[in-house]
């Protein structure tokens, strides 16, 4: 069978909806079954659940595995993979070679792409973007207009939120870090605010080193701030 994709080209359908269904928050989702072999998927393999064919591209190697679920206006395409018990819903997009797995959730208008990974019990939502080789894991939450990119890692119970823009400044807040503290970066001037501390990223790194030595969960945050201010 062939279907018309978004570029008005006919492509061979790689999967079909089966009669096996589940009800998720009042929506009926259908388990998928591969009609052809591609990537690590073999013809006849049963995948996860989607609401309709708009959720998973018939083109490319993208696939939804196991008990993973994709619904609403969410889209999975390219070579992306969603597996485990992960959920992608709302108007979220997962594409490129990105992977969403475990019990992770991507929703709202969030985008996960490139070679990024979102896993564990992590949540990415709002208009947040995770891309490059970035990883979001544990119980971390990335939301608002936040962006995680490059080789950055956000893990544990970190909260990463872009608080929005004004004419001069962009603020980014991460927490809880260190001694249950929220840390704010003012991007344009590379100023870090943490408790009574307010100075540059470099001075913050020196202060952390003086107090904690070479081991502290502040260091991944410092590296993330450095990446963000290089853009």
C-alpha atoms as a PDB file:
ATOM      1  CA  UNK A   1       0.000   0.000   0.000  1.00  0.00           C
ATOM      2  CA  UNK A   2       1.071   3.571  -0.662  1.00  0.00           C
ATOM      3  CA  UNK A   3       0.128   6.866   0.963  1.00  0.00           C
ATOM      4  CA  UNK A   4       0.676  10.529   0.118  1.00  0.00           C
ATOM      5  CA  UNK A   5       3.166  12.235   2.455  1.00  0.00           C
ATOM      6  CA  UNK A   6       3.450  15.918   3.332  1.00  0.00           C
ATOM      7  CA  UNK A   7       5.655  16.583   0.308  1.00  0.00           C
ATOM      8  CA  UNK A   8       2.948  15.176  -1.985  1.00  0.00           C
ATOM      9  CA  UNK A   9       5.015  12.098  -2.773  1.00  0.00           C
ATOM     10  CA  UNK A  10       3.655   8.591  -2.675  1.00  0.00           C
ATOM     11  CA  UNK A  11       5.505   6.381  -0.200  1.00  0.00           C
ATOM     12  CA  UNK A  12       5.065   2.742   0.690  1.00  0.00           C
ATOM     13  CA  UNK A  13       3.181   2.404   3.939  1.00  0.00           C
ATOM     14  CA  UNK A  14       5.446   0.900   6.579  1.00  0.00           C
ATOM     15  CA  UNK A  15       2.784   0.138   9.183  1.00  0.00           C
ATOM     16  CA  UNK A  16      -0.914  -0.265   9.791  1.00  0.00           C
ATOM     17  CA  UNK A  17      -3.232   0.242  12.735  1.00  0.00           C
ATOM     18  CA  UNK A  18      -4.343  -3.035  14.300  1.00  0.00           C
ATOM     19  CA  UNK A  19      -7.594  -3.759  16.087  1.00  0.00           C
ATOM     20  CA  UNK A  20      -5.831  -3.812  19.479  1.00  0.00           C
ATOM     21  CA  UNK A  21      -6.741  -0.605  21.281  1.00  0.00           C
ATOM     22  CA  UNK A  22      -6.339   1.145  24.617  1.00  0.00           C
ATOM     23  CA  UNK A  23      -8.160   4.081  26.132  1.00  0.00           C
ATOM     24  CA  UNK A  24      -5.879   6.875  27.316  1.00  0.00           C
ATOM     25  CA  UNK A  25      -7.603   9.848  28.935  1.00  0.00           C
ATOM     26  CA  UNK A  26     -10.707   9.230  26.846  1.00  0.00           C
ATOM     27  CA  UNK A  27      -8.812   8.786  23.569  1.00  0.00           C
ATOM     28  CA  UNK A  28      -8.644   5.508  21.676  1.00  0.00           C
ATOM     29  CA  UNK A  29      -5.128   4.546  20.624  1.00  0.00           C
ATOM     30  CA  UNK A  30      -4.282   1.694  18.252  1.00  0.00           C
ATOM     31  CA  UNK A  31      -1.317  -0.654  18.360  1.00  0.00           C
ATOM     32  CA  UNK A  32       0.714  -0.520  15.146  1.00  0.00           C
ATOM     33  CA  UNK A  33       2.133  -3.365  13.058  1.00  0.00           C
ATOM     34  CA  UNK A  34       4.993  -3.150  10.567  1.00  0.00           C
ATOM     35  CA  UNK A  35       4.114  -3.884   6.928  1.00  0.00           C
ATOM     36  CA  UNK A  36       7.733  -3.819   5.744  1.00  0.00           C
ATOM     37  CA  UNK A  37      11.173  -4.260   7.276  1.00  0.00           C
ATOM     38  CA  UNK A  38      13.272  -1.158   7.967  1.00  0.00           C
ATOM     39  CA  UNK A  39      16.009  -0.255  10.424  1.00  0.00           C
ATOM     40  CA  UNK A  40      15.713  -2.621  13.400  1.00  0.00           C
ATOM     41  CA  UNK A  41      12.033  -3.271  12.676  1.00  0.00           C
ATOM     42  CA  UNK A  42      10.977  -6.434  10.839  1.00  0.00           C
ATOM     43  CA  UNK A  43       7.804  -7.006   8.866  1.00  0.00           C
ATOM     44  CA  UNK A  44       5.056  -8.197  11.219  1.00  0.00           C
ATOM     45  CA  UNK A  45       6.583  -6.586  14.325  1.00  0.00           C
ATOM     46  CA  UNK A  46       4.016  -4.966  16.570  1.00  0.00           C
ATOM     47  CA  UNK A  47       4.870  -1.576  17.963  1.00  0.00           C
ATOM     48  CA  UNK A  48       3.368   0.808  20.458  1.00  0.00           C
ATOM     49  CA  UNK A  49       0.149   2.805  20.331  1.00  0.00           C
ATOM     50  CA  UNK A  50      -0.828   5.853  18.290  1.00  0.00           C
ATOM     51  CA  UNK A  51      -4.099   7.734  17.907  1.00  0.00           C
ATOM     52  CA  UNK A  52      -3.953   7.987  14.111  1.00  0.00           C
ATOM     53  CA  UNK A  53      -1.498   7.942  11.217  1.00  0.00           C
ATOM     54  CA  UNK A  54      -0.672  11.624  11.667  1.00  0.00           C
ATOM     55  CA  UNK A  55       1.228  10.665  14.828  1.00  0.00           C
ATOM     56  CA  UNK A  56       3.842   8.501  13.103  1.00  0.00           C
ATOM     57  CA  UNK A  57       5.265   9.148   9.661  1.00  0.00           C
ATOM     58  CA  UNK A  58       4.845   6.401   7.056  1.00  0.00           C
ATOM     59  CA  UNK A  59       8.167   7.612   5.620  1.00  0.00           C
ATOM     60  CA  UNK A  60      11.633   7.193   7.161  1.00  0.00           C
ATOM     61  CA  UNK A  61      12.680   4.835   9.972  1.00  0.00           C
ATOM     62  CA  UNK A  62      10.816   6.443  12.860  1.00  0.00           C
ATOM     63  CA  UNK A  63       9.010   3.956  15.095  1.00  0.00           C
ATOM     64  CA  UNK A  64       6.993   3.669  18.293  1.00  0.00           C
ATOM     65  CA  UNK A  65       7.886   0.537  20.277  1.00  0.00           C
ATOM     66  CA  UNK A  66       6.461  -1.530  23.119  1.00  0.00           C
ATOM     67  CA  UNK A  67       3.975   0.245  25.341  1.00  0.00           C
ATOM     68  CA  UNK A  68       4.915   3.762  24.224  1.00  0.00           C
ATOM     69  CA  UNK A  69       2.068   6.091  23.254  1.00  0.00           C
ATOM     70  CA  UNK A  70       1.757   8.979  20.814  1.00  0.00           C
ATOM     71  CA  UNK A  71      -1.476  10.946  20.581  1.00  0.00           C
ATOM     72  CA  UNK A  72      -3.163  14.259  19.895  1.00  0.00           C
ATOM     73  CA  UNK A  73      -1.401  16.287  17.198  1.00  0.00           C
ATOM     74  CA  UNK A  74       2.025  14.983  18.217  1.00  0.00           C
ATOM     75  CA  UNK A  75       4.359  13.804  15.446  1.00  0.00           C
ATOM     76  CA  UNK A  76       7.208  11.296  15.372  1.00  0.00           C
ATOM     77  CA  UNK A  77       9.231  11.223  12.155  1.00  0.00           C
ATOM     78  CA  UNK A  78      12.678  10.963  10.593  1.00  0.00           C
ATOM     79  CA  UNK A  79      14.604   8.215  12.401  1.00  0.00           C
ATOM     80  CA  UNK A  80      13.237   9.029  15.846  1.00  0.00           C
ATOM     81  CA  UNK A  81      12.326   6.295  18.318  1.00  0.00           C
ATOM     82  CA  UNK A  82       9.801   6.333  21.151  1.00  0.00           C
ATOM     83  CA  UNK A  83       9.829   3.271  23.400  1.00  0.00           C
ATOM     84  CA  UNK A  84       9.389   1.852  26.869  1.00  0.00           C
ATOM     85  CA  UNK A  85       6.337   3.467  28.437  1.00  0.00           C
ATOM     86  CA  UNK A  86       7.106   6.931  27.099  1.00  0.00           C
ATOM     87  CA  UNK A  87       4.325   9.317  26.066  1.00  0.00           C
ATOM     88  CA  UNK A  88       4.389  11.976  23.361  1.00  0.00           C
ATOM     89  CA  UNK A  89       1.242  14.044  23.054  1.00  0.00           C
ATOM     90  CA  UNK A  90      -0.240  17.491  22.570  1.00  0.00           C
ATOM     91  CA  UNK A  91       1.493  19.142  19.604  1.00  0.00           C
ATOM     92  CA  UNK A  92       4.955  17.839  20.466  1.00  0.00           C
ATOM     93  CA  UNK A  93       7.431  16.741  17.783  1.00  0.00           C
ATOM     94  CA  UNK A  94      10.160  14.105  18.060  1.00  0.00           C
ATOM     95  CA  UNK A  95      12.360  13.770  14.991  1.00  0.00           C
ATOM     96  CA  UNK A  96      15.862  13.411  13.597  1.00  0.00           C
ATOM     97  CA  UNK A  97      17.561  10.572  15.478  1.00  0.00           C
ATOM     98  CA  UNK A  98      16.068  11.553  18.815  1.00  0.00           C
ATOM     99  CA  UNK A  99      14.986   8.974  21.390  1.00  0.00           C
ATOM    100  CA  UNK A 100      12.292   9.276  24.051  1.00  0.00           C
ATOM    101  CA  UNK A 101      12.014   6.300  26.381  1.00  0.00           C
ATOM    102  CA  UNK A 102      11.531   4.978  29.886  1.00  0.00           C
ATOM    103  CA  UNK A 103       8.577   6.776  31.439  1.00  0.00           C
ATOM    104  CA  UNK A 104       9.481  10.112  29.886  1.00  0.00           C
ATOM    105  CA  UNK A 105       6.834  12.519  28.613  1.00  0.00           C
ATOM    106  CA  UNK A 106       7.094  15.098  25.839  1.00  0.00           C
ATOM    107  CA  UNK A 107       4.059  17.293  25.333  1.00  0.00           C
ATOM    108  CA  UNK A 108       2.715  20.769  24.703  1.00  0.00           C
ATOM    109  CA  UNK A 109       4.597  22.250  21.738  1.00  0.00           C
ATOM    110  CA  UNK A 110       7.927  20.811  22.816  1.00  0.00           C
ATOM    111  CA  UNK A 111      10.481  19.535  20.293  1.00  0.00           C
ATOM    112  CA  UNK A 112      13.110  16.838  20.749  1.00  0.00           C
ATOM    113  CA  UNK A 113      15.428  16.350  17.783  1.00  0.00           C
ATOM    114  CA  UNK A 114      18.958  15.808  16.548  1.00  0.00           C
ATOM    115  CA  UNK A 115      20.501  12.977  18.568  1.00  0.00           C
ATOM    116  CA  UNK A 116      18.895  14.110  21.805  1.00  0.00           C
ATOM    117  CA  UNK A 117      17.592  11.695  24.439  1.00  0.00           C
ATOM    118  CA  UNK A 118      14.813  12.168  26.971  1.00  0.00           C
ATOM    119  CA  UNK A 119      14.381   9.285  29.399  1.00  0.00           C
ATOM    120  CA  UNK A 120      13.762   8.161  32.951  1.00  0.00           C
ATOM    121  CA  UNK A 121      10.773  10.064  34.317  1.00  0.00           C
ATOM    122  CA  UNK A 122      11.811  13.311  32.659  1.00  0.00           C
ATOM    123  CA  UNK A 123       9.284  15.765  31.235  1.00  0.00           C
ATOM    124  CA  UNK A 124       9.803  18.204  28.374  1.00  0.00           C
ATOM    125  CA  UNK A 125       6.873  20.484  27.680  1.00  0.00           C
ATOM    126  CA  UNK A 126       5.655  23.975  26.872  1.00  0.00           C
ATOM    127  CA  UNK A 127       7.724  25.322  23.974  1.00  0.00           C
ATOM    128  CA  UNK A 128      10.940  23.750  25.234  1.00  0.00           C
ATOM    129  CA  UNK A 129      13.525  22.281  22.848  1.00  0.00           C
ATOM    130  CA  UNK A 130      16.043  19.517  23.470  1.00  0.00           C
ATOM    131  CA  UNK A 131      18.465  18.924  20.605  1.00  0.00           C
ATOM    132  CA  UNK A 132      22.015  18.208  19.509  1.00  0.00           C
ATOM    133  CA  UNK A 133      23.398  15.419  21.698  1.00  0.00           C
ATOM    134  CA  UNK A 134      21.694  16.719  24.829  1.00  0.00           C
ATOM    135  CA  UNK A 135      20.185  14.397  27.431  1.00  0.00           C
ATOM    136  CA  UNK A 136      17.359  15.006  29.884  1.00  0.00           C
ATOM    137  CA  UNK A 137      16.824  12.239  32.424  1.00  0.00           C
ATOM    138  CA  UNK A 138      15.840  11.300  35.951  1.00  0.00           C
ATOM    139  CA  UNK A 139      12.904  13.368  37.162  1.00  0.00           C
ATOM    140  CA  UNK A 140      14.136  16.503  35.447  1.00  0.00           C
ATOM    141  CA  UNK A 141      11.673  18.962  33.931  1.00  0.00           C
ATOM    142  CA  UNK A 142      12.448  21.231  30.992  1.00  0.00           C
ATOM    143  CA  UNK A 143       9.697  23.642  30.061  1.00  0.00           C
ATOM    144  CA  UNK A 144       8.648  27.148  29.123  1.00  0.00           C
ATOM    145  CA  UNK A 145      10.904  28.340  26.293  1.00  0.00           C
ATOM    146  CA  UNK A 146      13.966  26.578  27.683  1.00  0.00           C
ATOM    147  CA  UNK A 147      16.520  25.028  25.332  1.00  0.00           C
ATOM    148  CA  UNK A 148      18.923  22.205  26.136  1.00  0.00           C
ATOM    149  CA  UNK A 149      21.452  21.562  23.398  1.00  0.00           C
ATOM    150  CA  UNK A 150      24.998  20.594  22.484  1.00  0.00           C
ATOM    151  CA  UNK A 151      26.265  17.888  24.847  1.00  0.00           C
ATOM    152  CA  UNK A 152      24.416  19.269  27.865  1.00  0.00           C
ATOM    153  CA  UNK A 153      22.885  16.932  30.441  1.00  0.00           C
ATOM    154  CA  UNK A 154      19.979  17.767  32.729  1.00  0.00           C
ATOM    155  CA  UNK A 155      19.283  15.036  35.265  1.00  0.00           C
ATOM    156  CA  UNK A 156      18.181  14.197  38.781  1.00  0.00           C
ATOM    157  CA  UNK A 157      15.326  16.417  39.932  1.00  0.00           C
ATOM    158  CA  UNK A 158      16.544  19.511  38.112  1.00  0.00           C
ATOM    159  CA  UNK A 159      14.028  22.062  36.902  1.00  0.00           C
ATOM    160  CA  UNK A 160      14.987  24.074  33.826  1.00  0.00           C
ATOM    161  CA  UNK A 161      12.689  26.900  32.825  1.00  0.00           C
ATOM    162  CA  UNK A 162      13.125  29.889  30.552  1.00  0.00           C
ATOM    163  CA  UNK A 163      11.257  32.666  32.305  1.00  0.00           C
ATOM    164  CA  UNK A 164      10.766  34.630  29.109  1.00  0.00           C
ATOM    165  CA  UNK A 165      12.245  37.615  27.333  1.00  0.00           C
ATOM    166  CA  UNK A 166      12.249  41.372  27.601  1.00  0.00           C
ATOM    167  CA  UNK A 167      14.119  43.931  25.512  1.00  0.00           C
ATOM    168  CA  UNK A 168      17.443  43.388  27.234  1.00  0.00           C
ATOM    169  CA  UNK A 169      17.540  40.123  29.112  1.00  0.00           C
ATOM    170  CA  UNK A 170      16.789  36.438  28.927  1.00  0.00           C
ATOM    171  CA  UNK A 171      16.535  34.585  32.216  1.00  0.00           C
ATOM    172  CA  UNK A 172      16.983  30.893  32.843  1.00  0.00           C
ATOM    173  CA  UNK A 173      16.406  29.213  36.197  1.00  0.00           C
ATOM    174  CA  UNK A 174      17.541  25.733  37.263  1.00  0.00           C
ATOM    175  CA  UNK A 175      16.773  24.000  40.528  1.00  0.00           C
ATOM    176  CA  UNK A 176      17.062  22.383  42.890  1.00  0.00           C
ATOM    177  CA  UNK A 177      20.879  22.234  42.845  1.00  0.00           C
ATOM    178  CA  UNK A 178      23.512  22.019  45.566  1.00  0.00           C
ATOM    179  CA  UNK A 179      22.017  22.917  48.932  1.00  0.00           C
ATOM    180  CA  UNK A 180      18.430  22.896  47.570  1.00  0.00           C
ATOM    181  CA  UNK A 181      19.063  26.101  45.686  1.00  0.00           C
ATOM    182  CA  UNK A 182      17.656  27.688  42.521  1.00  0.00           C
ATOM    183  CA  UNK A 183      20.229  29.242  40.194  1.00  0.00           C
ATOM    184  CA  UNK A 184      19.376  31.940  37.668  1.00  0.00           C
ATOM    185  CA  UNK A 185      21.391  32.900  34.597  1.00  0.00           C
ATOM    186  CA  UNK A 186      20.937  36.305  32.968  1.00  0.00           C
ATOM    187  CA  UNK A 187      22.089  35.304  29.502  1.00  0.00           C
ATOM    188  CA  UNK A 188      23.106  38.564  27.820  1.00  0.00           C
ATOM    189  CA  UNK A 189      25.542  39.621  30.555  1.00  0.00           C
ATOM    190  CA  UNK A 190      26.463  36.082  31.667  1.00  0.00           C
ATOM    191  CA  UNK A 191      25.483  36.867  35.262  1.00  0.00           C
ATOM    192  CA  UNK A 192      24.708  34.052  37.693  1.00  0.00           C
ATOM    193  CA  UNK A 193      22.496  34.627  40.736  1.00  0.00           C
ATOM    194  CA  UNK A 194      22.549  31.975  43.460  1.00  0.00           C
ATOM    195  CA  UNK A 195      21.442  33.003  46.934  1.00  0.00           C
ATOM    196  CA  UNK A 196      23.590  36.002  47.920  1.00  0.00           C
ATOM    197  CA  UNK A 197      26.000  35.377  45.006  1.00  0.00           C
ATOM    198  CA  UNK A 198      25.725  37.538  41.879  1.00  0.00           C
ATOM    199  CA  UNK A 199      28.614  37.592  39.417  1.00  0.00           C
ATOM    200  CA  UNK A 200      29.870  36.090  36.144  1.00  0.00           C
ATOM    201  CA  UNK A 201      29.836  32.383  35.286  1.00  0.00           C
ATOM    202  CA  UNK A 202      33.608  32.250  35.710  1.00  0.00           C
ATOM    203  CA  UNK A 203      33.472  33.803  39.184  1.00  0.00           C
ATOM    204  CA  UNK A 204      30.674  31.431  40.146  1.00  0.00           C
ATOM    205  CA  UNK A 205      32.814  28.483  39.034  1.00  0.00           C
ATOM    206  CA  UNK A 206      35.728  29.771  41.153  1.00  0.00           C
ATOM    207  CA  UNK A 207      33.447  30.145  44.170  1.00  0.00           C
ATOM    208  CA  UNK A 208      32.120  26.608  43.753  1.00  0.00           C
ATOM    209  CA  UNK A 209      35.646  25.211  43.434  1.00  0.00           C
ATOM    210  CA  UNK A 210      36.808  27.034  46.556  1.00  0.00           C
ATOM    211  CA  UNK A 211      33.864  25.754  48.601  1.00  0.00           C
ATOM    212  CA  UNK A 212      33.289  22.253  47.196  1.00  0.00           C
ATOM    213  CA  UNK A 213      36.496  21.278  45.422  1.00  0.00           C
ATOM    214  CA  UNK A 214      36.236  19.264  42.197  1.00  0.00           C
ATOM    215  CA  UNK A 215      33.017  17.399  42.994  1.00  0.00           C
ATOM    216  CA  UNK A 216      29.713  19.205  43.062  1.00  0.00           C
ATOM    217  CA  UNK A 217      26.420  18.999  41.191  1.00  0.00           C
ATOM    218  CA  UNK A 218      26.916  22.696  40.404  1.00  0.00           C
ATOM    219  CA  UNK A 219      29.449  21.821  37.690  1.00  0.00           C
ATOM    220  CA  UNK A 220      26.963  20.380  35.125  1.00  0.00           C
ATOM    221  CA  UNK A 221      24.902  23.559  35.543  1.00  0.00           C
ATOM    222  CA  UNK A 222      27.992  25.717  35.009  1.00  0.00           C
ATOM    223  CA  UNK A 223      28.811  23.827  31.802  1.00  0.00           C
ATOM    224  CA  UNK A 224      25.221  24.245  30.613  1.00  0.00           C
ATOM    225  CA  UNK A 225      25.401  28.004  31.271  1.00  0.00           C
ATOM    226  CA  UNK A 226      28.643  28.193  29.308  1.00  0.00           C
ATOM    227  CA  UNK A 227      27.052  26.400  26.353  1.00  0.00           C
ATOM    228  CA  UNK A 228      23.993  28.659  26.420  1.00  0.00           C
ATOM    229  CA  UNK A 229      26.022  31.877  26.449  1.00  0.00           C
ATOM    230  CA  UNK A 230      28.182  30.749  23.507  1.00  0.00           C
ATOM    231  CA  UNK A 231      25.213  30.861  21.131  1.00  0.00           C
END
